[in-house]
Amino acid sequence: MIARAAFGYLFLVLIVRIVGRRPGKQLTPFEFVLIFYLGGLSLTGMVGEEVSLTNAITQIITVALCHYLLSFLRFKSERMARILDGVPLVLMEKNSWRHETLVRMRIQDDDVMHTARQQGIKDLSGIKTAVLESYGEITIVPKEEK
């Protein structure tokens, strides 16, 4: 059982290295799915008696190949990138909240203001635009001082 777990771990590290990484500090939803799915598959292969290690490895390779294919399509097609990663959404612009977007994304205006305060912006008048990035982070574009 210990050897099976160690082999499964090393194999999963190898697969994640082969699948590749992208720059950036946040994971996209596309990458979250890959990580959780691979984690579940590797767990059943390492500790589950009903699934053989060989079967789990085959499933992991299949998922990694699917991820690689989707990554390639995402790279080649802007439309596929938008489908898989989403697009940035404007939350506030010109001192006006986009309430429909805030409600749809379940974000409070306090969340935006928290991010603004971290950048030293005290109130709405200091914000030119607030954007929810496709990876979940809120970006604040401050107004230029005149």
Foldseek 3Di string as FASTA:
>chain_A
DVVQLVVLVVLLVVLDVVLHDDDDDFDAVLVVVLVVVLVVLSVCCRPNPVADVVNSSVVNVVSSVVSSVLVVVLVVDVVSVCVRQNAKDWQDAPLDGPVVVCVVVVHDVVVQCVVVVVVVHNDSQQFHTWIQGSRGDIDTDTDDDD
